């Protein structure tokens, strides 16, 4: 018997089980599940990184506003220091004049 005769003899053998449609094995199911979990994990990671970028952007804007406020405060303090110096000089001049008037009054 050659190979064809054997194959045809086996195909005609009524004791041979009929071919069943292929079943999805447990391993295949697990692999597909793992791939789905990896895809969801990657999507979650991208979503989380996008959220972090938004938080960083908001923080940068807030820091910019804070820097502007600090700059305004520094300018105001410098201006106040100049005004205080002018007032101090004026008060010292008035004090000198009062001292001079007091001395003149005591000398009479």
PDB file of N, CA and C in Angstrom:
ATOM      1  N   UNK A   1       0.840  -1.171   0.000  1.00  0.00           N
ATOM      2  CA  UNK A   1       0.000   0.000   0.000  1.00  0.00           C
ATOM      3  C   UNK A   1       0.881   1.228   0.000  1.00  0.00           C
ATOM      4  N   UNK A   2       0.526   2.094  -0.885  1.00  0.00           N
ATOM      5  CA  UNK A   2       1.282   3.332  -0.898  1.00  0.00           C
ATOM      6  C   UNK A   2       0.561   4.365  -0.011  1.00  0.00           C
ATOM      7  N   UNK A   3       1.102   5.628   0.063  1.00  0.00           N
ATOM      8  CA  UNK A   3       0.587   6.658   0.957  1.00  0.00           C
ATOM      9  C   UNK A   3      -0.829   7.075   0.632  1.00  0.00           C
ATOM     10  N   UNK A   4      -1.175   7.064  -0.670  1.00  0.00           N
ATOM     11  CA  UNK A   4      -2.537   7.466  -1.055  1.00  0.00           C
ATOM     12  C   UNK A   4      -3.550   6.408  -0.674  1.00  0.00           C
ATOM     13  N   UNK A   5      -3.177   5.209  -0.850  1.00  0.00           N
ATOM     14  CA  UNK A   5      -4.098   4.125  -0.506  1.00  0.00           C
ATOM     15  C   UNK A   5      -4.363   4.121   0.991  1.00  0.00           C
ATOM     16  N   UNK A   6      -3.325   4.359   1.766  1.00  0.00           N
ATOM     17  CA  UNK A   6      -3.471   4.378   3.218  1.00  0.00           C
ATOM     18  C   UNK A   6      -4.364   5.536   3.628  1.00  0.00           C
ATOM     19  N   UNK A   7      -4.163   6.719   3.031  1.00  0.00           N
ATOM     20  CA  UNK A   7      -4.967   7.891   3.368  1.00  0.00           C
ATOM     21  C   UNK A   7      -6.415   7.664   2.991  1.00  0.00           C
ATOM     22  N   UNK A   8      -6.660   7.063   1.825  1.00  0.00           N
ATOM     23  CA  UNK A   8      -8.042   6.823   1.423  1.00  0.00           C
ATOM     24  C   UNK A   8      -8.665   5.726   2.270  1.00  0.00           C
ATOM     25  N   UNK A   9      -7.881   4.762   2.685  1.00  0.00           N
ATOM     26  CA  UNK A   9      -8.399   3.698   3.541  1.00  0.00           C
ATOM     27  C   UNK A   9      -8.773   4.271   4.900  1.00  0.00           C
ATOM     28  N   UNK A  10      -7.939   5.162   5.413  1.00  0.00           N
ATOM     29  CA  UNK A  10      -8.249   5.770   6.708  1.00  0.00           C
ATOM     30  C   UNK A  10      -9.445   6.696   6.592  1.00  0.00           C
ATOM     31  N   UNK A  11      -9.573   7.412   5.479  1.00  0.00           N
ATOM     32  CA  UNK A  11     -10.688   8.317   5.288  1.00  0.00           C
ATOM     33  C   UNK A  11     -11.991   7.541   5.190  1.00  0.00           C
ATOM     34  N   UNK A  12     -11.954   6.337   4.646  1.00  0.00           N
ATOM     35  CA  UNK A  12     -13.157   5.534   4.506  1.00  0.00           C
ATOM     36  C   UNK A  12     -13.461   4.743   5.764  1.00  0.00           C
ATOM     37  N   UNK A  13     -12.521   4.718   6.704  1.00  0.00           N
ATOM     38  CA  UNK A  13     -12.685   3.928   7.924  1.00  0.00           C
ATOM     39  C   UNK A  13     -13.780   4.550   8.782  1.00  0.00           C
ATOM     40  N   UNK A  14     -14.839   3.818   9.054  1.00  0.00           N
ATOM     41  CA  UNK A  14     -15.947   4.367   9.840  1.00  0.00           C
ATOM     42  C   UNK A  14     -15.576   4.576  11.318  1.00  0.00           C
ATOM     43  N   UNK A  15     -14.483   3.983  11.785  1.00  0.00           N
ATOM     44  CA  UNK A  15     -14.118   4.137  13.189  1.00  0.00           C
ATOM     45  C   UNK A  15     -13.381   5.448  13.440  1.00  0.00           C
ATOM     46  N   UNK A  16     -12.966   6.128  12.399  1.00  0.00           N
ATOM     47  CA  UNK A  16     -12.261   7.403  12.553  1.00  0.00           C
ATOM     48  C   UNK A  16     -13.275   8.488  12.916  1.00  0.00           C
ATOM     49  N   UNK A  17     -12.948   9.293  13.881  1.00  0.00           N
ATOM     50  CA  UNK A  17     -13.897  10.362  14.260  1.00  0.00           C
ATOM     51  C   UNK A  17     -13.952  11.425  13.171  1.00  0.00           C
ATOM     52  N   UNK A  18     -15.109  12.042  13.081  1.00  0.00           N
ATOM     53  CA  UNK A  18     -15.264  13.116  12.106  1.00  0.00           C
ATOM     54  C   UNK A  18     -14.497  14.340  12.604  1.00  0.00           C
ATOM     55  N   UNK A  19     -14.057  15.142  11.662  1.00  0.00           N
ATOM     56  CA  UNK A  19     -13.338  16.351  12.049  1.00  0.00           C
ATOM     57  C   UNK A  19     -14.315  17.336  12.665  1.00  0.00           C
ATOM     58  N   UNK A  20     -13.935  17.868  13.826  1.00  0.00           N
ATOM     59  CA  UNK A  20     -14.767  18.865  14.498  1.00  0.00           C
ATOM     60  C   UNK A  20     -14.179  20.244  14.183  1.00  0.00           C
ATOM     61  N   UNK A  21     -14.980  21.243  14.234  1.00  0.00           N
ATOM     62  CA  UNK A  21     -14.440  22.581  14.008  1.00  0.00           C
ATOM     63  C   UNK A  21     -13.435  22.896  15.114  1.00  0.00           C
ATOM     64  N   UNK A  22     -12.382  23.627  14.806  1.00  0.00           N
ATOM     65  CA  UNK A  22     -11.354  23.908  15.819  1.00  0.00           C
ATOM     66  C   UNK A  22     -11.943  24.712  16.975  1.00  0.00           C
ATOM     67  N   UNK A  23     -11.526  24.332  18.169  1.00  0.00           N
ATOM     68  CA  UNK A  23     -11.979  25.041  19.369  1.00  0.00           C
ATOM     69  C   UNK A  23     -10.909  26.048  19.765  1.00  0.00           C
ATOM     70  N   UNK A  24     -11.345  27.102  20.375  1.00  0.00           N
ATOM     71  CA  UNK A  24     -10.393  28.093  20.871  1.00  0.00           C
ATOM     72  C   UNK A  24      -9.848  27.551  22.180  1.00  0.00           C
ATOM     73  N   UNK A  25      -8.550  27.427  22.241  1.00  0.00           N
ATOM     74  CA  UNK A  25      -7.947  26.859  23.434  1.00  0.00           C
ATOM     75  C   UNK A  25      -7.859  27.918  24.540  1.00  0.00           C
ATOM     76  N   UNK A  26      -7.643  27.458  25.738  1.00  0.00           N
ATOM     77  CA  UNK A  26      -7.501  28.331  26.896  1.00  0.00           C
ATOM     78  C   UNK A  26      -6.283  29.246  26.729  1.00  0.00           C
ATOM     79  N   UNK A  27      -5.213  28.726  26.172  1.00  0.00           N
ATOM     80  CA  UNK A  27      -3.995  29.513  25.957  1.00  0.00           C
ATOM     81  C   UNK A  27      -4.270  30.681  25.016  1.00  0.00           C
ATOM     82  N   UNK A  28      -4.988  30.429  23.940  1.00  0.00           N
ATOM     83  CA  UNK A  28      -5.325  31.487  22.985  1.00  0.00           C
ATOM     84  C   UNK A  28      -6.170  32.562  23.663  1.00  0.00           C
ATOM     85  N   UNK A  29      -7.121  32.126  24.457  1.00  0.00           N
ATOM     86  CA  UNK A  29      -7.976  33.068  25.175  1.00  0.00           C
ATOM     87  C   UNK A  29      -7.145  33.925  26.121  1.00  0.00           C
ATOM     88  N   UNK A  30      -6.216  33.305  26.846  1.00  0.00           N
ATOM     89  CA  UNK A  30      -5.366  34.050  27.777  1.00  0.00           C
ATOM     90  C   UNK A  30      -4.470  35.034  27.041  1.00  0.00           C
ATOM     91  N   UNK A  31      -3.930  34.627  25.913  1.00  0.00           N
ATOM     92  CA  UNK A  31      -3.068  35.519  25.138  1.00  0.00           C
ATOM     93  C   UNK A  31      -3.849  36.735  24.654  1.00  0.00           C
ATOM     94  N   UNK A  32      -5.053  36.510  24.139  1.00  0.00           N
ATOM     95  CA  UNK A  32      -5.888  37.616  23.668  1.00  0.00           C
ATOM     96  C   UNK A  32      -6.224  38.539  24.842  1.00  0.00           C
ATOM     97  N   UNK A  33      -6.513  37.965  25.996  1.00  0.00           N
ATOM     98  CA  UNK A  33      -6.794  38.767  27.193  1.00  0.00           C
ATOM     99  C   UNK A  33      -5.593  39.597  27.609  1.00  0.00           C
ATOM    100  N   UNK A  34      -4.405  39.002  27.557  1.00  0.00           N
ATOM    101  CA  UNK A  34      -3.193  39.747  27.916  1.00  0.00           C
ATOM    102  C   UNK A  34      -2.938  40.902  26.951  1.00  0.00           C
ATOM    103  N   UNK A  35      -3.173  40.674  25.685  1.00  0.00           N
ATOM    104  CA  UNK A  35      -2.999  41.744  24.697  1.00  0.00           C
ATOM    105  C   UNK A  35      -3.983  42.876  24.972  1.00  0.00           C
ATOM    106  N   UNK A  36      -5.242  42.524  25.295  1.00  0.00           N
ATOM    107  CA  UNK A  36      -6.242  43.545  25.593  1.00  0.00           C
ATOM    108  C   UNK A  36      -5.840  44.357  26.823  1.00  0.00           C
ATOM    109  N   UNK A  37      -5.334  43.675  27.851  1.00  0.00           N
ATOM    110  CA  UNK A  37      -4.903  44.370  29.065  1.00  0.00           C
ATOM    111  C   UNK A  37      -3.721  45.289  28.760  1.00  0.00           C
ATOM    112  N   UNK A  38      -2.795  44.832  27.933  1.00  0.00           N
ATOM    113  CA  UNK A  38      -1.647  45.674  27.581  1.00  0.00           C
ATOM    114  C   UNK A  38      -2.090  46.911  26.813  1.00  0.00           C
ATOM    115  N   UNK A  39      -3.034  46.750  25.893  1.00  0.00           N
ATOM    116  CA  UNK A  39      -3.525  47.896  25.119  1.00  0.00           C
ATOM    117  C   UNK A  39      -4.220  48.888  26.048  1.00  0.00           C
ATOM    118  N   UNK A  40      -5.040  48.386  26.973  1.00  0.00           N
ATOM    119  CA  UNK A  40      -5.712  49.272  27.932  1.00  0.00           C
ATOM    120  C   UNK A  40      -4.686  49.957  28.837  1.00  0.00           C
ATOM    121  N   UNK A  41      -3.674  49.237  29.263  1.00  0.00           N
ATOM    122  CA  UNK A  41      -2.630  49.824  30.101  1.00  0.00           C
ATOM    123  C   UNK A  41      -1.876  50.918  29.379  1.00  0.00           C
ATOM    124  N   UNK A  42      -1.568  50.690  28.117  1.00  0.00           N
ATOM    125  CA  UNK A  42      -0.880  51.710  27.320  1.00  0.00           C
ATOM    126  C   UNK A  42      -1.757  52.946  27.164  1.00  0.00           C
ATOM    127  N   UNK A  43      -3.045  52.728  26.896  1.00  0.00           N
ATOM    128  CA  UNK A  43      -3.975  53.861  26.777  1.00  0.00           C
ATOM    129  C   UNK A  43      -4.069  54.633  28.086  1.00  0.00           C
ATOM    130  N   UNK A  44      -4.119  53.929  29.204  1.00  0.00           N
ATOM    131  CA  UNK A  44      -4.158  54.589  30.507  1.00  0.00           C
ATOM    132  C   UNK A  44      -2.902  55.386  30.773  1.00  0.00           C
ATOM    133  N   UNK A  45      -1.764  54.847  30.366  1.00  0.00           N
ATOM    134  CA  UNK A  45      -0.497  55.552  30.551  1.00  0.00           C
ATOM    135  C   UNK A  45      -0.479  56.847  29.734  1.00  0.00           C
ATOM    136  N   UNK A  46      -0.936  56.779  28.498  1.00  0.00           N
ATOM    137  CA  UNK A  46      -0.980  57.971  27.647  1.00  0.00           C
ATOM    138  C   UNK A  46      -1.934  59.002  28.255  1.00  0.00           C
ATOM    139  N   UNK A  47      -3.075  58.538  28.764  1.00  0.00           N
ATOM    140  CA  UNK A  47      -4.045  59.435  29.398  1.00  0.00           C
ATOM    141  C   UNK A  47      -3.436  60.101  30.629  1.00  0.00           C
ATOM    142  N   UNK A  48      -2.728  59.323  31.454  1.00  0.00           N
ATOM    143  CA  UNK A  48      -2.105  59.860  32.666  1.00  0.00           C
ATOM    144  C   UNK A  48      -1.028  60.877  32.319  1.00  0.00           C
ATOM    145  N   UNK A  49      -0.232  60.598  31.296  1.00  0.00           N
ATOM    146  CA  UNK A  49       0.804  61.542  30.897  1.00  0.00           C
ATOM    147  C   UNK A  49       0.200  62.840  30.369  1.00  0.00           C
ATOM    148  N   UNK A  50      -0.911  62.743  29.677  1.00  0.00           N
ATOM    149  CA  UNK A  50      -1.607  63.939  29.206  1.00  0.00           C
ATOM    150  C   UNK A  50      -2.101  64.774  30.372  1.00  0.00           C
ATOM    151  N   UNK A  51      -2.609  64.121  31.413  1.00  0.00           N
ATOM    152  CA  UNK A  51      -3.053  64.830  32.615  1.00  0.00           C
ATOM    153  C   UNK A  51      -1.901  65.513  33.318  1.00  0.00           C
ATOM    154  N   UNK A  52      -0.762  64.840  33.371  1.00  0.00           N
ATOM    155  CA  UNK A  52       0.426  65.435  34.005  1.00  0.00           C
ATOM    156  C   UNK A  52       0.879  66.666  33.226  1.00  0.00           C
ATOM    157  N   UNK A  53       0.833  66.585  31.905  1.00  0.00           N
ATOM    158  CA  UNK A  53       1.239  67.724  31.076  1.00  0.00           C
ATOM    159  C   UNK A  53       0.320  68.914  31.338  1.00  0.00           C
ATOM    160  N   UNK A  54      -0.965  68.668  31.496  1.00  0.00           N
ATOM    161  CA  UNK A  54      -1.917  69.746  31.788  1.00  0.00           C
ATOM    162  C   UNK A  54      -1.630  70.356  33.153  1.00  0.00           C
ATOM    163  N   UNK A  55      -1.313  69.518  34.142  1.00  0.00           N
ATOM    164  CA  UNK A  55      -0.977  70.028  35.476  1.00  0.00           C
ATOM    165  C   UNK A  55       0.288  70.874  35.430  1.00  0.00           C
ATOM    166  N   UNK A  56       1.268  70.437  34.667  1.00  0.00           N
ATOM    167  CA  UNK A  56       2.510  71.201  34.537  1.00  0.00           C
ATOM    168  C   UNK A  56       2.224  72.545  33.879  1.00  0.00           C
ATOM    169  N   UNK A  57       1.386  72.554  32.876  1.00  0.00           N
ATOM    170  CA  UNK A  57       1.036  73.789  32.177  1.00  0.00           C
ATOM    171  C   UNK A  57       0.334  74.757  33.130  1.00  0.00           C
ATOM    172  N   UNK A  58      -0.602  74.241  33.923  1.00  0.00           N
ATOM    173  CA  UNK A  58      -1.300  75.088  34.896  1.00  0.00           C
ATOM    174  C   UNK A  58      -0.329  75.633  35.932  1.00  0.00           C
ATOM    175  N   UNK A  59       0.594  74.800  36.379  1.00  0.00           N
ATOM    176  CA  UNK A  59       1.584  75.240  37.364  1.00  0.00           C
ATOM    177  C   UNK A  59       2.470  76.336  36.785  1.00  0.00           C
ATOM    178  N   UNK A  60       2.850  76.201  35.526  1.00  0.00           N
ATOM    179  CA  UNK A  60       3.675  77.223  34.885  1.00  0.00           C
ATOM    180  C   UNK A  60       2.930  78.554  34.812  1.00  0.00           C
ATOM    181  N   UNK A  61       1.636  78.509  34.477  1.00  0.00           N
ATOM    182  CA  UNK A  61       0.842  79.744  34.437  1.00  0.00           C
ATOM    183  C   UNK A  61       0.757  80.370  35.820  1.00  0.00           C
ATOM    184  N   UNK A  62       0.515  79.537  36.841  1.00  0.00           N
ATOM    185  CA  UNK A  62       0.419  80.052  38.209  1.00  0.00           C
ATOM    186  C   UNK A  62       1.744  80.658  38.664  1.00  0.00           C
ATOM    187  N   UNK A  63       2.843  80.023  38.321  1.00  0.00           N
ATOM    188  CA  UNK A  63       4.163  80.546  38.689  1.00  0.00           C
ATOM    189  C   UNK A  63       4.418  81.875  37.986  1.00  0.00           C
ATOM    190  N   UNK A  64       3.994  81.996  36.740  1.00  0.00           N
ATOM    191  CA  UNK A  64       4.127  83.260  36.010  1.00  0.00           C
ATOM    192  C   UNK A  64       3.351  84.379  36.688  1.00  0.00           C
ATOM    193  N   UNK A  65       2.112  84.072  37.114  1.00  0.00           N
ATOM    194  CA  UNK A  65       1.303  85.077  37.811  1.00  0.00           C
ATOM    195  C   UNK A  65       1.953  85.467  39.136  1.00  0.00           C
ATOM    196  N   UNK A  66       2.484  84.479  39.842  1.00  0.00           N
ATOM    197  CA  UNK A  66       3.157  84.746  41.110  1.00  0.00           C
ATOM    198  C   UNK A  66       4.401  85.607  40.899  1.00  0.00           C
ATOM    199  N   UNK A  67       5.146  85.346  39.841  1.00  0.00           N
ATOM    200  CA  UNK A  67       6.340  86.153  39.539  1.00  0.00           C
ATOM    201  C   UNK A  67       5.951  87.594  39.234  1.00  0.00           C
ATOM    202  N   UNK A  68       4.849  87.789  38.505  1.00  0.00           N
ATOM    203  CA  UNK A  68       4.382  89.147  38.218  1.00  0.00           C
ATOM    204  C   UNK A  68       3.992  89.867  39.501  1.00  0.00           C
ATOM    205  N   UNK A  69       3.282  89.162  40.390  1.00  0.00           N
ATOM    206  CA  UNK A  69       2.869  89.770  41.658  1.00  0.00           C
ATOM    207  C   UNK A  69       4.090  90.126  42.506  1.00  0.00           C
ATOM    208  N   UNK A  70       5.087  89.257  42.531  1.00  0.00           N
ATOM    209  CA  UNK A  70       6.308  89.530  43.303  1.00  0.00           C
ATOM    210  C   UNK A  70       7.049  90.731  42.713  1.00  0.00           C
ATOM    211  N   UNK A  71       7.069  90.844  41.397  1.00  0.00           N
ATOM    212  CA  UNK A  71       7.719  91.987  40.743  1.00  0.00           C
ATOM    213  C   UNK A  71       6.991  93.280  41.089  1.00  0.00           C
ATOM    214  N   UNK A  72       5.659  93.254  41.037  1.00  0.00           N
ATOM    215  CA  UNK A  72       4.875  94.443  41.405  1.00  0.00           C
ATOM    216  C   UNK A  72       5.127  94.828  42.859  1.00  0.00           C
ATOM    217  N   UNK A  73       5.189  93.854  43.736  1.00  0.00           N
ATOM    218  CA  UNK A  73       5.443  94.112  45.151  1.00  0.00           C
ATOM    219  C   UNK A  73       6.828  94.733  45.351  1.00  0.00           C
ATOM    220  N   UNK A  74       7.827  94.237  44.653  1.00  0.00           N
ATOM    221  CA  UNK A  74       9.179  94.779  44.769  1.00  0.00           C
ATOM    222  C   UNK A  74       9.217  96.227  44.284  1.00  0.00           C
ATOM    223  N   UNK A  75       8.535  96.513  43.160  1.00  0.00           N
ATOM    224  CA  UNK A  75       8.480  97.895  42.662  1.00  0.00           C
ATOM    225  C   UNK A  75       7.780  98.810  43.662  1.00  0.00           C
ATOM    226  N   UNK A  76       6.703  98.329  44.256  1.00  0.00           N
ATOM    227  CA  UNK A  76       5.964  99.120  45.232  1.00  0.00           C
ATOM    228  C   UNK A  76       6.808  99.393  46.466  1.00  0.00           C
ATOM    229  N   UNK A  77       7.529  98.378  46.919  1.00  0.00           N
ATOM    230  CA  UNK A  77       8.386  98.572  48.092  1.00  0.00           C
ATOM    231  C   UNK A  77       9.508  99.557  47.791  1.00  0.00           C
ATOM    232  N   UNK A  78      10.085  99.478  46.606  1.00  0.00           N
ATOM    233  CA  UNK A  78      11.144 100.421  46.229  1.00  0.00           C
ATOM    234  C   UNK A  78      10.586 101.837  46.178  1.00  0.00           C
ATOM    235  N   UNK A  79       9.407 101.992  45.603  1.00  0.00           N
ATOM    236  CA  UNK A  79       8.769 103.302  45.537  1.00  0.00           C
ATOM    237  C   UNK A  79       8.476 103.822  46.936  1.00  0.00           C
ATOM    238  N   UNK A  80       7.990 102.956  47.811  1.00  0.00           N
ATOM    239  CA  UNK A  80       7.709 103.353  49.193  1.00  0.00           C
ATOM    240  C   UNK A  80       8.988 103.757  49.912  1.00  0.00           C
ATOM    241  N   UNK A  81      10.072 103.058  49.653  1.00  0.00           N
ATOM    242  CA  UNK A  81      11.354 103.398  50.280  1.00  0.00           C
ATOM    243  C   UNK A  81      11.813 104.776  49.840  1.00  0.00           C
ATOM    244  N   UNK A  82      11.632 105.114  48.554  1.00  0.00           N
ATOM    245  CA  UNK A  82      12.010 106.438  48.055  1.00  0.00           C
ATOM    246  C   UNK A  82      11.145 107.511  48.712  1.00  0.00           C
ATOM    247  N   UNK A  83       9.841 107.265  48.783  1.00  0.00           N
ATOM    248  CA  UNK A  83       8.928 108.228  49.412  1.00  0.00           C
ATOM    249  C   UNK A  83       9.270 108.382  50.891  1.00  0.00           C
ATOM    250  N   UNK A  84       9.566 107.278  51.568  1.00  0.00           N
ATOM    251  CA  UNK A  84       9.956 107.346  52.982  1.00  0.00           C
ATOM    252  C   UNK A  84      11.233 108.152  53.163  1.00  0.00           C
ATOM    253  N   UNK A  85      12.188 107.978  52.257  1.00  0.00           N
ATOM    254  CA  UNK A  85      13.435 108.745  52.345  1.00  0.00           C
ATOM    255  C   UNK A  85      13.170 110.232  52.182  1.00  0.00           C
ATOM    256  N   UNK A  86      12.289 110.604  51.246  1.00  0.00           N
ATOM    257  CA  UNK A  86      11.944 112.013  51.035  1.00  0.00           C
ATOM    258  C   UNK A  86      11.259 112.562  52.279  1.00  0.00           C
ATOM    259  N   UNK A  87      10.323 111.794  52.835  1.00  0.00           N
ATOM    260  CA  UNK A  87       9.618 112.242  54.039  1.00  0.00           C
ATOM    261  C   UNK A  87      10.588 112.377  55.219  1.00  0.00           C
ATOM    262  N   UNK A  88      11.500 111.434  55.337  1.00  0.00           N
ATOM    263  CA  UNK A  88      12.482 111.486  56.421  1.00  0.00           C
ATOM    264  C   UNK A  88      13.345 112.736  56.295  1.00  0.00           C
ATOM    265  N   UNK A  89      13.756 113.049  55.078  1.00  0.00           N
ATOM    266  CA  UNK A  89      14.569 114.251  54.854  1.00  0.00           C
ATOM    267  C   UNK A  89      13.768 115.492  55.198  1.00  0.00           C
ATOM    268  N   UNK A  90      12.502 115.535  54.807  1.00  0.00           N
ATOM    269  CA  UNK A  90      11.635 116.672  55.110  1.00  0.00           C
ATOM    270  C   UNK A  90      11.472 116.828  56.619  1.00  0.00           C
ATOM    271  N   UNK A  91      11.254 115.723  57.307  1.00  0.00           N
ATOM    272  CA  UNK A  91      11.101 115.761  58.767  1.00  0.00           C
ATOM    273  C   UNK A  91      12.389 116.230  59.420  1.00  0.00           C
ATOM    274  N   UNK A  92      13.524 115.780  58.933  1.00  0.00           N
ATOM    275  CA  UNK A  92      14.811 116.224  59.487  1.00  0.00           C
ATOM    276  C   UNK A  92      15.008 117.724  59.269  1.00  0.00           C
ATOM    277  N   UNK A  93      14.628 118.218  58.083  1.00  0.00           N
ATOM    278  CA  UNK A  93      14.716 119.657  57.812  1.00  0.00           C
ATOM    279  C   UNK A  93      13.827 120.442  58.773  1.00  0.00           C
ATOM    280  N   UNK A  94      12.606 119.984  58.976  1.00  0.00           N
ATOM    281  CA  UNK A  94      11.684 120.647  59.907  1.00  0.00           C
ATOM    282  C   UNK A  94      12.267 120.617  61.317  1.00  0.00           C
ATOM    283  N   UNK A  95      12.842 119.471  61.706  1.00  0.00           N
ATOM    284  CA  UNK A  95      13.445 119.341  63.035  1.00  0.00           C
ATOM    285  C   UNK A  95      14.601 120.339  63.199  1.00  0.00           C
ATOM    286  N   UNK A  96      15.437 120.511  62.177  1.00  0.00           N
ATOM    287  CA  UNK A  96      16.546 121.458  62.238  1.00  0.00           C
ATOM    288  C   UNK A  96      16.040 122.891  62.382  1.00  0.00           C
ATOM    289  N   UNK A  97      15.004 123.196  61.614  1.00  0.00           N
ATOM    290  CA  UNK A  97      14.439 124.540  61.698  1.00  0.00           C
ATOM    291  C   UNK A  97      13.839 124.808  63.070  1.00  0.00           C
ATOM    292  N   UNK A  98      13.148 123.809  63.610  1.00  0.00           N
ATOM    293  CA  UNK A  98      12.580 123.973  64.952  1.00  0.00           C
ATOM    294  C   UNK A  98      13.687 124.161  65.989  1.00  0.00           C
ATOM    295  N   UNK A  99      14.770 123.372  65.841  1.00  0.00           N
ATOM    296  CA  UNK A  99      15.899 123.518  66.768  1.00  0.00           C
ATOM    297  C   UNK A  99      16.505 124.924  66.656  1.00  0.00           C
ATOM    298  N   UNK A 100      16.619 125.417  65.438  1.00  0.00           N
ATOM    299  CA  UNK A 100      17.179 126.762  65.228  1.00  0.00           C
ATOM    300  C   UNK A 100      16.279 127.824  65.843  1.00  0.00           C
ATOM    301  N   UNK A 101      14.952 127.670  65.657  1.00  0.00           N
ATOM    302  CA  UNK A 101      13.991 128.624  66.228  1.00  0.00           C
ATOM    303  C   UNK A 101      14.063 128.563  67.757  1.00  0.00           C
ATOM    304  N   UNK A 102      14.161 127.357  68.294  1.00  0.00           N
ATOM    305  CA  UNK A 102      14.232 127.177  69.756  1.00  0.00           C
ATOM    306  C   UNK A 102      15.492 127.843  70.298  1.00  0.00           C
ATOM    307  N   UNK A 103      16.611 127.694  69.633  1.00  0.00           N
ATOM    308  CA  UNK A 103      17.859 128.311  70.079  1.00  0.00           C
ATOM    309  C   UNK A 103      17.777 129.838  70.035  1.00  0.00           C
ATOM    310  N   UNK A 104      17.155 130.354  69.000  1.00  0.00           N
ATOM    311  CA  UNK A 104      17.005 131.808  68.886  1.00  0.00           C
ATOM    312  C   UNK A 104      16.104 132.357  69.993  1.00  0.00           C
ATOM    313  N   UNK A 105      15.054 131.586  70.281  1.00  0.00           N
ATOM    314  CA  UNK A 105      14.148 132.021  71.334  1.00  0.00           C
ATOM    315  C   UNK A 105      14.817 131.961  72.696  1.00  0.00           C
ATOM    316  N   UNK A 106      15.635 131.004  72.938  1.00  0.00           N
ATOM    317  CA  UNK A 106      16.339 130.879  74.221  1.00  0.00           C
ATOM    318  C   UNK A 106      17.416 131.941  74.333  1.00  0.00           C
ATOM    319  N   UNK A 107      18.002 132.324  73.224  1.00  0.00           N
ATOM    320  CA  UNK A 107      19.073 133.318  73.242  1.00  0.00           C
ATOM    321  C   UNK A 107      18.515 134.708  73.531  1.00  0.00           C
ATOM    322  N   UNK A 108      17.328 135.026  73.353  1.00  0.00           N
ATOM    323  CA  UNK A 108      16.751 136.351  73.575  1.00  0.00           C
ATOM    324  C   UNK A 108      16.451 136.550  74.971  1.00  0.00           C
TER     325      UNK A 108
END
